[in-house]
Amino acid sequence: MRAAALDAVRHYLDRTRALVEIAADDDLTLRPAPGMLPVGDQLAIAIGFAGRAVLPLAGRNAPDGPERIDRAALLDFAAAMATALEAVRVEDLTVSEVAHRAGFADLTQAGEDYLLRFALPNMIFHLTAAYVGLKRAGHPLGKADFDALHAYPAGFSFEDDRQD
């Protein structure tokens, strides 16, 4: 389970980096919806959750987030996180319990519970929020931009076809 989770975190960190590369600095201040953090913050949090998901289970700290939110800083943060994750092997993921903060809640969770019920879903949540914000900004993103797995023909639109 932890091997699959480590692979998923690395994969979705790469997808987050790809969205940063698509974004213009002006896009980073847009909010996906009223009351939500701007796209740039969503991307920074998704990148941070890549480390936050795995590194505590290896007894390691994640790299600090960027001091500013711009495209260059986010790309640097993603690169630092990728480097930190490259050093982690499945056999390093031995910590059985993680104490952490979720919003204003102080939690202690078993390692796999933390990974599967908190860290991974939160990484995907913030990646999704950034994706939605970039779509609202007019970027022609599709599912393949999100997961790098889907494929649709050029010009395909769900407005024209209700298939998934």
C-alpha atoms as a PDB file:
ATOM      1  CA  MET A   1       0.000   0.000   0.000  1.00  0.00           C
ATOM      2  CA  ARG A   2       2.742   2.459   0.909  1.00  0.00           C
ATOM      3  CA  ALA A   3       4.623   1.730  -2.337  1.00  0.00           C
ATOM      4  CA  ALA A   4       1.526   2.600  -4.361  1.00  0.00           C
ATOM      5  CA  ALA A   5       0.975   5.735  -2.281  1.00  0.00           C
ATOM      6  CA  LEU A   6       4.584   6.852  -2.775  1.00  0.00           C
ATOM      7  CA  ASP A   7       4.206   6.395  -6.533  1.00  0.00           C
ATOM      8  CA  ALA A   8       0.891   8.292  -6.509  1.00  0.00           C
ATOM      9  CA  VAL A   9       2.385  11.196  -4.555  1.00  0.00           C
ATOM     10  CA  ARG A  10       5.291  11.461  -6.983  1.00  0.00           C
ATOM     11  CA  HIS A  11       2.915  11.272  -9.953  1.00  0.00           C
ATOM     12  CA  TYR A  12       0.566  13.975  -8.669  1.00  0.00           C
ATOM     13  CA  LEU A  13       3.476  16.186  -7.649  1.00  0.00           C
ATOM     14  CA  ASP A  14       4.510  16.029 -11.301  1.00  0.00           C
ATOM     15  CA  ARG A  15       0.944  16.881 -12.377  1.00  0.00           C
ATOM     16  CA  THR A  16       0.950  19.841  -9.975  1.00  0.00           C
ATOM     17  CA  ARG A  17       4.264  21.025 -11.433  1.00  0.00           C
ATOM     18  CA  ALA A  18       2.744  20.750 -14.908  1.00  0.00           C
ATOM     19  CA  LEU A  19      -0.116  23.056 -13.866  1.00  0.00           C
ATOM     20  CA  VAL A  20       2.397  25.560 -12.487  1.00  0.00           C
ATOM     21  CA  GLU A  21       4.125  25.534 -15.871  1.00  0.00           C
ATOM     22  CA  ILE A  22       0.805  26.285 -17.603  1.00  0.00           C
ATOM     23  CA  ALA A  23      -0.126  29.128 -15.259  1.00  0.00           C
ATOM     24  CA  ALA A  24       0.825  32.742 -15.798  1.00  0.00           C
ATOM     25  CA  ASP A  25       1.713  34.781 -12.713  1.00  0.00           C
ATOM     26  CA  ASP A  26      -1.607  36.658 -13.058  1.00  0.00           C
ATOM     27  CA  ASP A  27      -3.487  33.343 -12.863  1.00  0.00           C
ATOM     28  CA  LEU A  28      -1.992  32.646  -9.447  1.00  0.00           C
ATOM     29  CA  THR A  29      -4.082  35.364  -7.783  1.00  0.00           C
ATOM     30  CA  LEU A  30      -7.411  34.082  -9.115  1.00  0.00           C
ATOM     31  CA  ARG A  31      -9.720  32.219  -6.765  1.00  0.00           C
ATOM     32  CA  PRO A  32     -11.303  28.949  -7.929  1.00  0.00           C
ATOM     33  CA  ALA A  33     -14.511  30.031  -6.160  1.00  0.00           C
ATOM     34  CA  PRO A  34     -15.457  32.732  -3.651  1.00  0.00           C
ATOM     35  CA  GLY A  35     -13.976  32.075  -0.231  1.00  0.00           C
ATOM     36  CA  MET A  36     -11.261  29.748  -1.538  1.00  0.00           C
ATOM     37  CA  LEU A  37      -7.544  30.436  -1.521  1.00  0.00           C
ATOM     38  CA  PRO A  38      -6.063  31.707  -4.806  1.00  0.00           C
ATOM     39  CA  VAL A  39      -4.685  29.305  -7.415  1.00  0.00           C
ATOM     40  CA  GLY A  40      -1.073  30.008  -6.408  1.00  0.00           C
ATOM     41  CA  ASP A  41      -1.754  29.076  -2.801  1.00  0.00           C
ATOM     42  CA  GLN A  42      -3.636  25.968  -3.913  1.00  0.00           C
ATOM     43  CA  LEU A  43      -0.613  24.904  -5.983  1.00  0.00           C
ATOM     44  CA  ALA A  44       1.806  25.602  -3.114  1.00  0.00           C
ATOM     45  CA  ILE A  45      -0.353  23.591  -0.715  1.00  0.00           C
ATOM     46  CA  ALA A  46      -0.640  20.673  -3.167  1.00  0.00           C
ATOM     47  CA  ILE A  47       3.147  20.664  -3.572  1.00  0.00           C
ATOM     48  CA  GLY A  48       3.543  20.848   0.202  1.00  0.00           C
ATOM     49  CA  PHE A  49       1.179  17.929   0.701  1.00  0.00           C
ATOM     50  CA  ALA A  50       3.404  15.770  -1.519  1.00  0.00           C
ATOM     51  CA  GLY A  51       6.036  15.977   1.188  1.00  0.00           C
ATOM     52  CA  ARG A  52       3.567  16.142   4.033  1.00  0.00           C
ATOM     53  CA  ALA A  53       2.018  12.864   2.847  1.00  0.00           C
ATOM     54  CA  VAL A  54       5.182  10.795   2.751  1.00  0.00           C
ATOM     55  CA  LEU A  55       8.084  12.399   4.580  1.00  0.00           C
ATOM     56  CA  PRO A  56       6.624  12.148   8.119  1.00  0.00           C
ATOM     57  CA  LEU A  57       6.220   8.394   7.561  1.00  0.00           C
ATOM     58  CA  ALA A  58       9.962   8.274   6.890  1.00  0.00           C
ATOM     59  CA  GLY A  59      10.719  10.404   9.959  1.00  0.00           C
ATOM     60  CA  ARG A  60      11.787  13.331   7.762  1.00  0.00           C
ATOM     61  CA  ASN A  61      10.751  16.948   7.422  1.00  0.00           C
ATOM     62  CA  ALA A  62       9.422  18.416   4.198  1.00  0.00           C
ATOM     63  CA  PRO A  63      11.135  21.366   2.497  1.00  0.00           C
ATOM     64  CA  ASP A  64       9.752  24.757   3.495  1.00  0.00           C
ATOM     65  CA  GLY A  65       7.165  26.324   1.233  1.00  0.00           C
ATOM     66  CA  PRO A  66       7.945  29.318  -0.925  1.00  0.00           C
ATOM     67  CA  GLU A  67       8.322  32.760   0.656  1.00  0.00           C
ATOM     68  CA  ARG A  68       6.386  34.274  -2.229  1.00  0.00           C
ATOM     69  CA  ILE A  69       3.784  32.881  -4.584  1.00  0.00           C
ATOM     70  CA  ASP A  70       4.920  33.256  -8.167  1.00  0.00           C
ATOM     71  CA  ARG A  71       5.577  30.810 -10.954  1.00  0.00           C
ATOM     72  CA  ALA A  72       9.354  30.650 -10.438  1.00  0.00           C
ATOM     73  CA  ALA A  73       9.047  30.116  -6.675  1.00  0.00           C
ATOM     74  CA  LEU A  74       6.443  27.379  -7.158  1.00  0.00           C
ATOM     75  CA  LEU A  75       8.615  25.596  -9.726  1.00  0.00           C
ATOM     76  CA  ASP A  76      11.577  25.781  -7.322  1.00  0.00           C
ATOM     77  CA  PHE A  77       9.404  24.409  -4.504  1.00  0.00           C
ATOM     78  CA  ALA A  78       8.178  21.549  -6.709  1.00  0.00           C
ATOM     79  CA  ALA A  79      11.775  20.715  -7.681  1.00  0.00           C
ATOM     80  CA  ALA A  80      12.895  20.733  -4.034  1.00  0.00           C
ATOM     81  CA  MET A  81       9.979  18.495  -3.096  1.00  0.00           C
ATOM     82  CA  ALA A  82      10.722  16.088  -5.949  1.00  0.00           C
ATOM     83  CA  THR A  83      14.344  15.869  -4.788  1.00  0.00           C
ATOM     84  CA  ALA A  84      13.238  15.177  -1.206  1.00  0.00           C
ATOM     85  CA  LEU A  85      10.850  12.458  -2.388  1.00  0.00           C
ATOM     86  CA  GLU A  86      13.450  10.832  -4.660  1.00  0.00           C
ATOM     87  CA  ALA A  87      15.488  10.063  -1.544  1.00  0.00           C
ATOM     88  CA  VAL A  88      12.606   8.126   0.050  1.00  0.00           C
ATOM     89  CA  ARG A  89      12.336   4.368  -0.381  1.00  0.00           C
ATOM     90  CA  VAL A  90       9.325   2.309   0.608  1.00  0.00           C
ATOM     91  CA  GLU A  91      11.358   0.612   3.330  1.00  0.00           C
ATOM     92  CA  ASP A  92      11.928   4.078   4.885  1.00  0.00           C
ATOM     93  CA  LEU A  93       8.192   4.483   5.554  1.00  0.00           C
ATOM     94  CA  THR A  94       8.255   2.944   9.013  1.00  0.00           C
ATOM     95  CA  VAL A  95       6.635   5.583  11.231  1.00  0.00           C
ATOM     96  CA  SER A  96       3.417   4.069  12.556  1.00  0.00           C
ATOM     97  CA  GLU A  97       1.747   7.206  13.922  1.00  0.00           C
ATOM     98  CA  VAL A  98       1.677  10.846  12.791  1.00  0.00           C
ATOM     99  CA  ALA A  99       0.689  13.814  14.950  1.00  0.00           C
ATOM    100  CA  HIS A 100      -0.351  16.779  12.822  1.00  0.00           C
ATOM    101  CA  ARG A 101      -2.705  19.702  12.437  1.00  0.00           C
ATOM    102  CA  ALA A 102      -5.723  19.746  10.097  1.00  0.00           C
ATOM    103  CA  GLY A 103      -7.074  23.287   9.996  1.00  0.00           C
ATOM    104  CA  PHE A 104      -7.599  24.029  13.680  1.00  0.00           C
ATOM    105  CA  ALA A 105      -7.755  20.358  14.727  1.00  0.00           C
ATOM    106  CA  ASP A 106      -4.791  18.632  16.343  1.00  0.00           C
ATOM    107  CA  LEU A 107      -4.817  15.000  15.251  1.00  0.00           C
ATOM    108  CA  THR A 108      -2.851  11.831  15.798  1.00  0.00           C
ATOM    109  CA  GLN A 109      -3.443   9.137  13.193  1.00  0.00           C
ATOM    110  CA  ALA A 110      -2.018   5.727  12.413  1.00  0.00           C
ATOM    111  CA  GLY A 111       0.414   5.994   9.492  1.00  0.00           C
ATOM    112  CA  GLU A 112      -1.770   4.443   6.799  1.00  0.00           C
ATOM    113  CA  ASP A 113      -4.885   6.224   8.070  1.00  0.00           C
ATOM    114  CA  TYR A 114      -2.979   9.526   7.931  1.00  0.00           C
ATOM    115  CA  LEU A 115      -1.722   8.782   4.433  1.00  0.00           C
ATOM    116  CA  LEU A 116      -4.990   7.512   2.933  1.00  0.00           C
ATOM    117  CA  ARG A 117      -7.644   9.522   4.789  1.00  0.00           C
ATOM    118  CA  PHE A 118      -5.838  12.822   5.271  1.00  0.00           C
ATOM    119  CA  ALA A 119      -2.675  13.523   3.294  1.00  0.00           C
ATOM    120  CA  LEU A 120      -3.452  12.067  -0.149  1.00  0.00           C
ATOM    121  CA  PRO A 121      -7.040  13.391  -0.273  1.00  0.00           C
ATOM    122  CA  ASN A 122      -5.823  16.851   0.737  1.00  0.00           C
ATOM    123  CA  MET A 123      -3.124  16.860  -1.921  1.00  0.00           C
ATOM    124  CA  ILE A 124      -5.710  15.924  -4.555  1.00  0.00           C
ATOM    125  CA  PHE A 125      -8.196  18.486  -3.179  1.00  0.00           C
ATOM    126  CA  HIS A 126      -5.736  21.358  -3.571  1.00  0.00           C
ATOM    127  CA  LEU A 127      -4.576  20.121  -6.985  1.00  0.00           C
ATOM    128  CA  THR A 128      -8.231  19.994  -8.066  1.00  0.00           C
ATOM    129  CA  ALA A 129      -8.899  23.500  -6.730  1.00  0.00           C
ATOM    130  CA  ALA A 130      -5.921  24.840  -8.705  1.00  0.00           C
ATOM    131  CA  TYR A 131      -7.112  22.984 -11.816  1.00  0.00           C
ATOM    132  CA  VAL A 132     -10.590  24.524 -11.478  1.00  0.00           C
ATOM    133  CA  GLY A 133      -9.106  27.993 -11.012  1.00  0.00           C
ATOM    134  CA  LEU A 134      -6.977  27.618 -14.136  1.00  0.00           C
ATOM    135  CA  LYS A 135      -9.990  26.339 -16.098  1.00  0.00           C
ATOM    136  CA  ARG A 136     -11.958  29.391 -14.941  1.00  0.00           C
ATOM    137  CA  ALA A 137      -9.045  31.576 -16.104  1.00  0.00           C
ATOM    138  CA  GLY A 138      -9.574  30.203 -19.607  1.00  0.00           C
ATOM    139  CA  HIS A 139      -6.864  27.572 -19.865  1.00  0.00           C
ATOM    140  CA  PRO A 140      -8.056  24.708 -22.111  1.00  0.00           C
ATOM    141  CA  LEU A 141      -7.295  21.982 -19.577  1.00  0.00           C
ATOM    142  CA  GLY A 142      -8.693  18.474 -19.769  1.00  0.00           C
ATOM    143  CA  LYS A 143      -8.544  15.312 -17.701  1.00  0.00           C
ATOM    144  CA  ALA A 144      -5.198  14.402 -19.263  1.00  0.00           C
ATOM    145  CA  ASP A 145      -3.727  17.593 -17.783  1.00  0.00           C
ATOM    146  CA  PHE A 146      -4.960  16.449 -14.384  1.00  0.00           C
ATOM    147  CA  ASP A 147      -3.982  12.785 -14.390  1.00  0.00           C
ATOM    148  CA  ALA A 148      -1.815  12.263 -17.507  1.00  0.00           C
ATOM    149  CA  LEU A 149      -3.881   9.151 -18.230  1.00  0.00           C
ATOM    150  CA  HIS A 150      -7.019  10.244 -20.071  1.00  0.00           C
ATOM    151  CA  ALA A 151      -7.008  10.917 -23.811  1.00  0.00           C
ATOM    152  CA  TYR A 152      -9.650  12.617 -25.929  1.00  0.00           C
ATOM    153  CA  PRO A 153      -9.635  13.645 -29.591  1.00  0.00           C
ATOM    154  CA  ALA A 154      -8.788  17.245 -30.467  1.00  0.00           C
ATOM    155  CA  GLY A 155     -11.798  19.509 -30.094  1.00  0.00           C
ATOM    156  CA  PHE A 156     -13.703  17.061 -27.882  1.00  0.00           C
ATOM    157  CA  SER A 157     -16.149  18.705 -25.481  1.00  0.00           C
ATOM    158  CA  PHE A 158     -18.399  17.260 -22.802  1.00  0.00           C
ATOM    159  CA  GLU A 159     -20.954  19.843 -23.858  1.00  0.00           C
ATOM    160  CA  ASP A 160     -21.257  17.921 -27.139  1.00  0.00           C
ATOM    161  CA  ASP A 161     -21.061  14.380 -25.735  1.00  0.00           C
ATOM    162  CA  ARG A 162     -22.167  13.157 -22.294  1.00  0.00           C
ATOM    163  CA  GLN A 163     -19.697  10.214 -22.170  1.00  0.00           C
ATOM    164  CA  ASP A 164     -17.080  10.088 -19.423  1.00  0.00           C
END
